[in-house]
Amino acid sequence: MAARLEAEFGVSSQLIEGGGGVFDVVVDGALLYSKRQCADQFPDENKLVEAIKGGGG
């Protein structure tokens, strides 16, 4: 997913380690995806890229 974000937007992403395999995707302070809130499902990269392009979730 990091490679996709870099290719689409020319930015690098940062992984901040946590526990239990859960993670959030935050862009400019806005939460676009939370694995904990989405029943532990991995995000669809296409939908995530579109949400970022649209400026939010």
N, C-alpha and C. Protein backbone atom coordinates (compact mmCIF):
# COMPACT_ATOMS: atom_id res chain seq x y z
N MET A 1 0.82 -1.18 0.00
CA MET A 1 0.00 0.00 0.00
C MET A 1 0.87 1.25 0.00
N ALA A 2 1.99 1.24 0.69
CA ALA A 2 2.88 2.40 0.72
C ALA A 2 3.36 2.75 -0.69
N ALA A 3 3.67 1.74 -1.48
CA ALA A 3 4.13 1.97 -2.85
C ALA A 3 3.02 2.59 -3.69
N ARG A 4 1.81 2.15 -3.49
CA ARG A 4 0.66 2.70 -4.23
C ARG A 4 0.45 4.16 -3.88
N LEU A 5 0.53 4.50 -2.61
CA LEU A 5 0.35 5.89 -2.18
C LEU A 5 1.45 6.78 -2.74
N GLU A 6 2.67 6.27 -2.76
CA GLU A 6 3.76 7.05 -3.32
C GLU A 6 3.57 7.26 -4.82
N ALA A 7 3.15 6.22 -5.53
CA ALA A 7 2.95 6.32 -6.97
C ALA A 7 1.81 7.29 -7.31
N GLU A 8 0.73 7.23 -6.55
CA GLU A 8 -0.44 8.07 -6.83
C GLU A 8 -0.24 9.53 -6.45
N PHE A 9 0.45 9.77 -5.31
CA PHE A 9 0.49 11.11 -4.76
C PHE A 9 1.89 11.69 -4.60
N GLY A 10 2.92 10.89 -4.87
CA GLY A 10 4.29 11.37 -4.74
C GLY A 10 4.70 11.66 -3.31
N VAL A 11 4.11 10.92 -2.38
CA VAL A 11 4.43 11.11 -0.96
C VAL A 11 4.87 9.78 -0.37
N SER A 12 5.60 9.87 0.71
CA SER A 12 5.97 8.64 1.41
C SER A 12 5.05 8.50 2.62
N SER A 13 4.74 7.27 2.96
CA SER A 13 3.89 7.02 4.11
C SER A 13 4.75 6.59 5.28
N GLN A 14 4.19 6.69 6.44
CA GLN A 14 4.93 6.36 7.66
C GLN A 14 4.15 5.31 8.43
N LEU A 15 4.82 4.26 8.83
CA LEU A 15 4.23 3.23 9.67
C LEU A 15 4.60 3.52 11.11
N ILE A 16 3.60 3.69 11.93
CA ILE A 16 3.81 3.87 13.36
C ILE A 16 3.35 2.59 14.02
N GLU A 17 4.29 1.85 14.58
CA GLU A 17 3.98 0.54 15.13
C GLU A 17 3.00 0.63 16.28
N GLY A 18 2.12 -0.34 16.30
CA GLY A 18 1.14 -0.47 17.37
C GLY A 18 1.09 -1.92 17.79
N GLY A 19 -0.04 -2.37 18.18
CA GLY A 19 -0.19 -3.76 18.60
C GLY A 19 -1.42 -4.40 18.00
N GLY A 20 -1.40 -5.69 17.90
CA GLY A 20 -2.57 -6.44 17.46
C GLY A 20 -2.87 -6.37 15.99
N GLY A 21 -1.99 -5.79 15.19
CA GLY A 21 -2.19 -5.76 13.75
C GLY A 21 -3.22 -4.74 13.27
N VAL A 22 -3.65 -3.84 14.14
CA VAL A 22 -4.59 -2.82 13.71
C VAL A 22 -3.84 -1.56 13.31
N PHE A 23 -4.45 -0.79 12.43
CA PHE A 23 -3.82 0.45 11.99
C PHE A 23 -4.89 1.42 11.50
N ASP A 24 -4.51 2.69 11.43
CA ASP A 24 -5.36 3.74 10.90
C ASP A 24 -4.67 4.37 9.70
N VAL A 25 -5.44 4.92 8.80
CA VAL A 25 -4.91 5.73 7.72
C VAL A 25 -5.45 7.14 7.95
N VAL A 26 -4.51 8.07 8.18
CA VAL A 26 -4.86 9.46 8.48
C VAL A 26 -4.19 10.35 7.45
N VAL A 27 -4.96 11.25 6.85
CA VAL A 27 -4.44 12.20 5.87
C VAL A 27 -4.82 13.60 6.34
N ASP A 28 -3.82 14.44 6.53
CA ASP A 28 -4.05 15.82 7.00
C ASP A 28 -4.95 15.87 8.23
N GLY A 29 -4.75 14.94 9.14
CA GLY A 29 -5.51 14.92 10.38
C GLY A 29 -6.86 14.26 10.31
N ALA A 30 -7.31 13.84 9.13
CA ALA A 30 -8.61 13.20 8.96
C ALA A 30 -8.44 11.68 8.90
N LEU A 31 -9.18 10.97 9.73
CA LEU A 31 -9.15 9.51 9.73
C LEU A 31 -9.94 9.00 8.54
N LEU A 32 -9.24 8.32 7.61
CA LEU A 32 -9.91 7.77 6.43
C LEU A 32 -10.21 6.30 6.57
N TYR A 33 -9.45 5.62 7.41
CA TYR A 33 -9.65 4.18 7.56
C TYR A 33 -9.13 3.75 8.92
N SER A 34 -9.87 2.91 9.60
CA SER A 34 -9.43 2.31 10.84
C SER A 34 -9.72 0.82 10.77
N LYS A 35 -8.68 0.01 10.83
CA LYS A 35 -8.88 -1.44 10.76
C LYS A 35 -9.69 -1.93 11.95
N ARG A 36 -9.49 -1.32 13.09
CA ARG A 36 -10.24 -1.71 14.29
C ARG A 36 -11.74 -1.44 14.09
N GLN A 37 -12.08 -0.33 13.47
CA GLN A 37 -13.48 0.03 13.25
C GLN A 37 -14.11 -0.74 12.09
N CYS A 38 -13.32 -1.32 11.23
CA CYS A 38 -13.83 -2.02 10.03
C CYS A 38 -13.78 -3.52 10.18
N ALA A 39 -14.08 -4.01 11.36
CA ALA A 39 -14.16 -5.45 11.62
C ALA A 39 -12.90 -6.19 11.19
N ASP A 40 -11.76 -5.55 11.40
CA ASP A 40 -10.45 -6.15 11.11
C ASP A 40 -10.25 -6.53 9.65
N GLN A 41 -10.96 -5.88 8.72
CA GLN A 41 -10.76 -6.12 7.30
C GLN A 41 -9.70 -5.17 6.77
N PHE A 42 -8.88 -5.67 5.87
CA PHE A 42 -7.86 -4.83 5.26
C PHE A 42 -8.53 -3.90 4.25
N PRO A 43 -8.07 -2.65 4.15
CA PRO A 43 -8.74 -1.71 3.24
C PRO A 43 -8.53 -2.05 1.77
N ASP A 44 -9.51 -1.74 0.95
CA ASP A 44 -9.39 -1.85 -0.49
C ASP A 44 -8.55 -0.67 -0.95
N GLU A 45 -7.40 -0.94 -1.58
CA GLU A 45 -6.48 0.14 -1.98
C GLU A 45 -7.14 1.13 -2.92
N ASN A 46 -7.94 0.66 -3.86
CA ASN A 46 -8.60 1.56 -4.80
C ASN A 46 -9.54 2.52 -4.09
N LYS A 47 -10.33 2.00 -3.15
CA LYS A 47 -11.26 2.85 -2.40
C LYS A 47 -10.51 3.85 -1.53
N LEU A 48 -9.41 3.41 -0.96
CA LEU A 48 -8.62 4.29 -0.12
C LEU A 48 -8.01 5.42 -0.94
N VAL A 49 -7.48 5.11 -2.10
CA VAL A 49 -6.91 6.14 -2.99
C VAL A 49 -7.99 7.12 -3.40
N GLU A 50 -9.18 6.63 -3.75
CA GLU A 50 -10.28 7.52 -4.12
C GLU A 50 -10.70 8.41 -2.96
N ALA A 51 -10.72 7.87 -1.75
CA ALA A 51 -11.07 8.68 -0.57
C ALA A 51 -10.05 9.79 -0.36
N ILE A 52 -8.78 9.49 -0.57
CA ILE A 52 -7.73 10.51 -0.43
C ILE A 52 -7.89 11.57 -1.51
N LYS A 53 -8.15 11.15 -2.74
CA LYS A 53 -8.35 12.10 -3.84
C LYS A 53 -9.56 13.00 -3.58
N GLY A 54 -10.57 12.42 -2.93
CA GLY A 54 -11.77 13.18 -2.65
C GLY A 54 -11.66 14.08 -1.44
N GLY A 55 -10.53 13.98 -0.73
CA GLY A 55 -10.31 14.84 0.41
C GLY A 55 -10.90 14.34 1.70
N GLY A 56 -11.32 13.09 1.73
CA GLY A 56 -11.86 12.55 2.97
C GLY A 56 -12.50 11.21 2.74
N GLY A 57 -13.07 10.64 3.81
CA GLY A 57 -13.65 9.33 3.75
C GLY A 57 -15.08 9.29 3.32
